[in-house]
Amino acid sequence: MTSFTMHAASVAAQEADESYLVGFADSRTQPQEYIILQRSIQSDDEPDTYFLEINGQECSGYGGIRRATLDKNTFTLELAEDNGYADGLTGVSITYDAQGVTPDLKHYLALVFQGTDCEFTTSAA
Protein backbone atom coordinates (compact mmCIF):
# COMPACT_ATOMS: atom_id res chain seq x y z
CA MET A 1 0.00 0.00 0.00
CA THR A 2 1.47 3.28 -1.13
CA SER A 3 0.30 6.84 -0.85
CA PHE A 4 1.40 9.82 -2.95
CA THR A 5 1.80 13.05 -0.94
CA MET A 6 2.67 16.56 -2.09
CA HIS A 7 2.34 20.22 -1.13
CA ALA A 8 0.78 22.30 -3.91
CA ALA A 9 2.19 25.77 -4.48
CA SER A 10 -0.29 26.22 -7.31
CA VAL A 11 -3.96 25.24 -7.49
CA ALA A 12 -6.16 25.79 -10.55
CA ALA A 13 -9.85 25.08 -11.15
CA GLN A 14 -11.52 26.15 -14.37
CA GLU A 15 -13.41 25.28 -17.52
CA ALA A 16 -11.07 24.92 -20.50
CA ASP A 17 -11.28 23.25 -23.92
CA GLU A 18 -14.77 21.85 -23.26
CA SER A 19 -13.61 20.23 -20.01
CA TYR A 20 -13.73 20.85 -16.30
CA LEU A 21 -10.14 20.97 -15.07
CA VAL A 22 -8.64 20.90 -11.57
CA GLY A 23 -4.89 20.89 -11.10
CA PHE A 24 -2.40 20.91 -8.25
CA ALA A 25 1.35 21.50 -8.77
CA ASP A 26 4.37 21.85 -6.51
CA SER A 27 5.56 24.95 -8.41
CA ARG A 28 3.87 27.74 -10.34
CA THR A 29 6.61 27.93 -12.98
CA GLN A 30 8.40 24.56 -13.27
CA PRO A 31 6.41 21.80 -11.58
CA GLN A 32 8.14 18.52 -10.79
CA GLU A 33 5.05 16.95 -9.22
CA TYR A 34 1.44 17.50 -10.22
CA ILE A 35 -2.07 16.08 -10.16
CA ILE A 36 -4.64 16.80 -12.87
CA LEU A 37 -8.33 15.89 -12.72
CA GLN A 38 -10.28 16.46 -15.91
CA ARG A 39 -13.79 15.71 -17.14
CA SER A 40 -15.22 16.41 -20.58
CA ILE A 41 -18.38 18.50 -20.63
CA GLN A 42 -19.56 16.58 -23.70
CA SER A 43 -18.65 12.90 -23.32
CA ASP A 44 -19.04 11.98 -26.99
CA ASP A 45 -15.67 10.30 -27.61
CA GLU A 46 -14.46 9.74 -24.04
CA PRO A 47 -15.77 7.67 -21.12
CA ASP A 48 -18.43 9.50 -19.10
CA THR A 49 -16.18 9.87 -16.07
CA TYR A 50 -13.15 11.82 -14.88
CA PHE A 51 -9.53 11.44 -15.95
CA LEU A 52 -6.74 11.49 -13.35
CA GLU A 53 -3.06 12.06 -14.10
CA ILE A 54 -0.31 11.91 -11.47
CA ASN A 55 3.09 13.20 -12.66
CA GLY A 56 2.71 11.89 -16.22
CA GLN A 57 0.82 9.64 -18.60
CA GLU A 58 2.36 6.48 -17.11
CA CYS A 59 0.26 7.08 -13.97
CA SER A 60 -3.07 8.11 -15.47
CA GLY A 61 -6.48 6.78 -16.40
CA TYR A 62 -10.24 7.07 -16.19
CA GLY A 63 -12.15 6.48 -12.94
CA GLY A 64 -10.67 4.48 -10.09
CA ILE A 65 -11.26 6.88 -7.19
CA ARG A 66 -13.48 5.59 -4.40
CA ARG A 67 -13.61 8.77 -2.30
CA ALA A 68 -12.43 12.38 -2.67
CA THR A 69 -12.38 14.74 0.30
CA LEU A 70 -11.74 18.49 0.21
CA ASP A 71 -10.89 20.19 3.50
CA LYS A 72 -9.63 23.70 4.22
CA ASN A 73 -5.96 22.86 3.52
CA THR A 74 -6.04 19.28 2.21
CA PHE A 75 -7.42 17.33 -0.75
CA THR A 76 -7.32 13.54 -0.43
CA LEU A 77 -8.18 10.72 -2.80
CA GLU A 78 -8.88 7.17 -1.69
CA LEU A 79 -8.26 4.98 -4.71
CA ALA A 80 -10.19 1.82 -5.55
CA GLU A 81 -8.23 -1.41 -5.19
CA ASP A 82 -8.33 -2.03 -8.95
CA ASN A 83 -7.43 1.55 -9.89
CA GLY A 84 -4.70 0.78 -12.43
CA TYR A 85 -2.82 4.07 -11.85
CA ALA A 86 0.35 2.68 -10.28
CA ASP A 87 1.17 -0.66 -8.74
CA GLY A 88 0.09 -0.54 -5.10
CA LEU A 89 -1.01 3.12 -5.06
CA THR A 90 -3.92 3.41 -2.63
CA GLY A 91 -4.20 7.12 -1.93
CA VAL A 92 -3.22 10.67 -2.76
CA SER A 93 -2.89 13.51 -0.25
CA ILE A 94 -2.34 17.11 -1.31
CA THR A 95 -1.81 19.97 1.10
CA TYR A 96 -2.05 23.61 0.06
CA ASP A 97 -2.35 27.10 1.53
CA ALA A 98 -6.05 27.93 1.75
CA GLN A 99 -5.38 31.60 0.88
CA GLY A 100 -4.04 30.64 -2.54
CA VAL A 101 -7.03 28.52 -3.54
CA THR A 102 -9.57 29.88 -5.98
CA PRO A 103 -13.18 29.97 -4.79
CA ASP A 104 -14.03 27.73 -7.75
CA LEU A 105 -12.11 24.70 -6.43
CA LYS A 106 -15.09 23.15 -4.62
CA HIS A 107 -17.42 23.92 -7.55
CA TYR A 108 -15.21 22.33 -10.22
CA LEU A 109 -14.37 19.27 -8.12
CA ALA A 110 -18.12 18.70 -7.69
CA LEU A 111 -18.55 18.92 -11.48
CA VAL A 112 -15.64 16.53 -12.12
CA PHE A 113 -17.10 13.86 -9.81
CA GLN A 114 -20.83 14.43 -10.49
CA GLY A 115 -22.65 11.23 -11.49
CA THR A 116 -19.60 8.97 -11.01
CA ASP A 117 -18.79 6.19 -8.54
CA CYS A 118 -16.57 8.58 -6.56
CA GLU A 119 -18.04 9.90 -3.31
CA PHE A 120 -17.06 13.60 -3.07
CA THR A 121 -17.29 15.34 0.31
CA THR A 122 -16.13 18.74 1.44
CA SER A 123 -15.86 20.73 4.61
CA ALA A 124 -14.11 23.64 2.87
CA ALA A 125 -15.90 26.98 3.01
C-alpha atoms as a PDB file:
ATOM      1  CA  MET A   1       0.000   0.000   0.000  1.00  0.00           C
ATOM      2  CA  THR A   2       1.473   3.278  -1.129  1.00  0.00           C
ATOM      3  CA  SER A   3       0.300   6.837  -0.855  1.00  0.00           C
ATOM      4  CA  PHE A   4       1.401   9.822  -2.946  1.00  0.00           C
ATOM      5  CA  THR A   5       1.798  13.047  -0.937  1.00  0.00           C
ATOM      6  CA  MET A   6       2.674  16.557  -2.095  1.00  0.00           C
ATOM      7  CA  HIS A   7       2.336  20.216  -1.132  1.00  0.00           C
ATOM      8  CA  ALA A   8       0.785  22.298  -3.911  1.00  0.00           C
ATOM      9  CA  ALA A   9       2.193  25.774  -4.476  1.00  0.00           C
ATOM     10  CA  SER A  10      -0.289  26.220  -7.312  1.00  0.00           C
ATOM     11  CA  VAL A  11      -3.964  25.241  -7.487  1.00  0.00           C
ATOM     12  CA  ALA A  12      -6.161  25.788 -10.550  1.00  0.00           C
ATOM     13  CA  ALA A  13      -9.846  25.078 -11.147  1.00  0.00           C
ATOM     14  CA  GLN A  14     -11.520  26.149 -14.371  1.00  0.00           C
ATOM     15  CA  GLU A  15     -13.415  25.277 -17.521  1.00  0.00           C
ATOM     16  CA  ALA A  16     -11.070  24.923 -20.499  1.00  0.00           C
ATOM     17  CA  ASP A  17     -11.279  23.255 -23.921  1.00  0.00           C
ATOM     18  CA  GLU A  18     -14.773  21.853 -23.263  1.00  0.00           C
ATOM     19  CA  SER A  19     -13.606  20.234 -20.014  1.00  0.00           C
ATOM     20  CA  TYR A  20     -13.727  20.854 -16.301  1.00  0.00           C
ATOM     21  CA  LEU A  21     -10.138  20.972 -15.074  1.00  0.00           C
ATOM     22  CA  VAL A  22      -8.640  20.901 -11.573  1.00  0.00           C
ATOM     23  CA  GLY A  23      -4.886  20.888 -11.104  1.00  0.00           C
ATOM     24  CA  PHE A  24      -2.399  20.914  -8.246  1.00  0.00           C
ATOM     25  CA  ALA A  25       1.348  21.500  -8.767  1.00  0.00           C
ATOM     26  CA  ASP A  26       4.372  21.849  -6.509  1.00  0.00           C
ATOM     27  CA  SER A  27       5.565  24.947  -8.415  1.00  0.00           C
ATOM     28  CA  ARG A  28       3.873  27.737 -10.345  1.00  0.00           C
ATOM     29  CA  THR A  29       6.609  27.926 -12.982  1.00  0.00           C
ATOM     30  CA  GLN A  30       8.401  24.563 -13.265  1.00  0.00           C
ATOM     31  CA  PRO A  31       6.413  21.797 -11.582  1.00  0.00           C
ATOM     32  CA  GLN A  32       8.142  18.516 -10.788  1.00  0.00           C
ATOM     33  CA  GLU A  33       5.055  16.952  -9.219  1.00  0.00           C
ATOM     34  CA  TYR A  34       1.440  17.505 -10.216  1.00  0.00           C
ATOM     35  CA  ILE A  35      -2.067  16.076 -10.160  1.00  0.00           C
ATOM     36  CA  ILE A  36      -4.645  16.802 -12.868  1.00  0.00           C
ATOM     37  CA  LEU A  37      -8.328  15.890 -12.719  1.00  0.00           C
ATOM     38  CA  GLN A  38     -10.284  16.462 -15.911  1.00  0.00           C
ATOM     39  CA  ARG A  39     -13.792  15.711 -17.138  1.00  0.00           C
ATOM     40  CA  SER A  40     -15.222  16.414 -20.578  1.00  0.00           C
ATOM     41  CA  ILE A  41     -18.378  18.500 -20.630  1.00  0.00           C
ATOM     42  CA  GLN A  42     -19.562  16.577 -23.701  1.00  0.00           C
ATOM     43  CA  SER A  43     -18.649  12.900 -23.318  1.00  0.00           C
ATOM     44  CA  ASP A  44     -19.036  11.985 -26.990  1.00  0.00           C
ATOM     45  CA  ASP A  45     -15.671  10.296 -27.611  1.00  0.00           C
ATOM     46  CA  GLU A  46     -14.462   9.738 -24.040  1.00  0.00           C
ATOM     47  CA  PRO A  47     -15.775   7.670 -21.115  1.00  0.00           C
ATOM     48  CA  ASP A  48     -18.434   9.500 -19.105  1.00  0.00           C
ATOM     49  CA  THR A  49     -16.184   9.871 -16.072  1.00  0.00           C
ATOM     50  CA  TYR A  50     -13.150  11.824 -14.879  1.00  0.00           C
ATOM     51  CA  PHE A  51      -9.528  11.441 -15.951  1.00  0.00           C
ATOM     52  CA  LEU A  52      -6.739  11.487 -13.351  1.00  0.00           C
ATOM     53  CA  GLU A  53      -3.060  12.056 -14.099  1.00  0.00           C
ATOM     54  CA  ILE A  54      -0.313  11.913 -11.471  1.00  0.00           C
ATOM     55  CA  ASN A  55       3.089  13.203 -12.657  1.00  0.00           C
ATOM     56  CA  GLY A  56       2.715  11.894 -16.222  1.00  0.00           C
ATOM     57  CA  GLN A  57       0.819   9.644 -18.601  1.00  0.00           C
ATOM     58  CA  GLU A  58       2.359   6.485 -17.105  1.00  0.00           C
ATOM     59  CA  CYS A  59       0.260   7.076 -13.973  1.00  0.00           C
ATOM     60  CA  SER A  60      -3.075   8.111 -15.470  1.00  0.00           C
ATOM     61  CA  GLY A  61      -6.477   6.781 -16.404  1.00  0.00           C
ATOM     62  CA  TYR A  62     -10.242   7.070 -16.185  1.00  0.00           C
ATOM     63  CA  GLY A  63     -12.152   6.476 -12.945  1.00  0.00           C
ATOM     64  CA  GLY A  64     -10.667   4.477 -10.094  1.00  0.00           C
ATOM     65  CA  ILE A  65     -11.261   6.879  -7.194  1.00  0.00           C
ATOM     66  CA  ARG A  66     -13.481   5.594  -4.401  1.00  0.00           C
ATOM     67  CA  ARG A  67     -13.606   8.774  -2.303  1.00  0.00           C
ATOM     68  CA  ALA A  68     -12.425  12.385  -2.674  1.00  0.00           C
ATOM     69  CA  THR A  69     -12.382  14.743   0.301  1.00  0.00           C
ATOM     70  CA  LEU A  70     -11.742  18.486   0.214  1.00  0.00           C
ATOM     71  CA  ASP A  71     -10.891  20.185   3.498  1.00  0.00           C
ATOM     72  CA  LYS A  72      -9.630  23.697   4.221  1.00  0.00           C
ATOM     73  CA  ASN A  73      -5.957  22.864   3.523  1.00  0.00           C
ATOM     74  CA  THR A  74      -6.042  19.277   2.205  1.00  0.00           C
ATOM     75  CA  PHE A  75      -7.421  17.334  -0.753  1.00  0.00           C
ATOM     76  CA  THR A  76      -7.323  13.545  -0.430  1.00  0.00           C
ATOM     77  CA  LEU A  77      -8.175  10.719  -2.796  1.00  0.00           C
ATOM     78  CA  GLU A  78      -8.877   7.168  -1.686  1.00  0.00           C
ATOM     79  CA  LEU A  79      -8.261   4.979  -4.713  1.00  0.00           C
ATOM     80  CA  ALA A  80     -10.186   1.825  -5.551  1.00  0.00           C
ATOM     81  CA  GLU A  81      -8.227  -1.414  -5.185  1.00  0.00           C
ATOM     82  CA  ASP A  82      -8.330  -2.033  -8.946  1.00  0.00           C
ATOM     83  CA  ASN A  83      -7.434   1.553  -9.892  1.00  0.00           C
ATOM     84  CA  GLY A  84      -4.698   0.783 -12.431  1.00  0.00           C
ATOM     85  CA  TYR A  85      -2.815   4.072 -11.850  1.00  0.00           C
ATOM     86  CA  ALA A  86       0.346   2.676 -10.280  1.00  0.00           C
ATOM     87  CA  ASP A  87       1.171  -0.661  -8.740  1.00  0.00           C
ATOM     88  CA  GLY A  88       0.090  -0.537  -5.097  1.00  0.00           C
ATOM     89  CA  LEU A  89      -1.013   3.118  -5.060  1.00  0.00           C
ATOM     90  CA  THR A  90      -3.920   3.408  -2.627  1.00  0.00           C
ATOM     91  CA  GLY A  91      -4.196   7.120  -1.934  1.00  0.00           C
ATOM     92  CA  VAL A  92      -3.223  10.675  -2.761  1.00  0.00           C
ATOM     93  CA  SER A  93      -2.887  13.506  -0.250  1.00  0.00           C
ATOM     94  CA  ILE A  94      -2.335  17.109  -1.313  1.00  0.00           C
ATOM     95  CA  THR A  95      -1.809  19.972   1.104  1.00  0.00           C
ATOM     96  CA  TYR A  96      -2.050  23.612   0.061  1.00  0.00           C
ATOM     97  CA  ASP A  97      -2.347  27.095   1.532  1.00  0.00           C
ATOM     98  CA  ALA A  98      -6.046  27.928   1.748  1.00  0.00           C
ATOM     99  CA  GLN A  99      -5.384  31.601   0.883  1.00  0.00           C
ATOM    100  CA  GLY A 100      -4.041  30.636  -2.541  1.00  0.00           C
ATOM    101  CA  VAL A 101      -7.028  28.522  -3.545  1.00  0.00           C
ATOM    102  CA  THR A 102      -9.566  29.881  -5.984  1.00  0.00           C
ATOM    103  CA  PRO A 103     -13.183  29.969  -4.794  1.00  0.00           C
ATOM    104  CA  ASP A 104     -14.034  27.726  -7.752  1.00  0.00           C
ATOM    105  CA  LEU A 105     -12.114  24.695  -6.430  1.00  0.00           C
ATOM    106  CA  LYS A 106     -15.094  23.146  -4.619  1.00  0.00           C
ATOM    107  CA  HIS A 107     -17.418  23.916  -7.551  1.00  0.00           C
ATOM    108  CA  TYR A 108     -15.209  22.332 -10.222  1.00  0.00           C
ATOM    109  CA  LEU A 109     -14.370  19.273  -8.119  1.00  0.00           C
ATOM    110  CA  ALA A 110     -18.115  18.695  -7.686  1.00  0.00           C
ATOM    111  CA  LEU A 111     -18.551  18.921 -11.480  1.00  0.00           C
ATOM    112  CA  VAL A 112     -15.643  16.532 -12.117  1.00  0.00           C
ATOM    113  CA  PHE A 113     -17.103  13.857  -9.811  1.00  0.00           C
ATOM    114  CA  GLN A 114     -20.830  14.434 -10.495  1.00  0.00           C
ATOM    115  CA  GLY A 115     -22.650  11.231 -11.491  1.00  0.00           C
ATOM    116  CA  THR A 116     -19.596   8.974 -11.008  1.00  0.00           C
ATOM    117  CA  ASP A 117     -18.793   6.192  -8.535  1.00  0.00           C
ATOM    118  CA  CYS A 118     -16.573   8.579  -6.560  1.00  0.00           C
ATOM    119  CA  GLU A 119     -18.037   9.905  -3.307  1.00  0.00           C
ATOM    120  CA  PHE A 120     -17.061  13.599  -3.067  1.00  0.00           C
ATOM    121  CA  THR A 121     -17.292  15.337   0.307  1.00  0.00           C
ATOM    122  CA  THR A 122     -16.130  18.738   1.436  1.00  0.00           C
ATOM    123  CA  SER A 123     -15.861  20.731   4.610  1.00  0.00           C
ATOM    124  CA  ALA A 124     -14.112  23.637   2.867  1.00  0.00           C
ATOM    125  CA  ALA A 125     -15.901  26.978   3.009  1.00  0.00           C
END
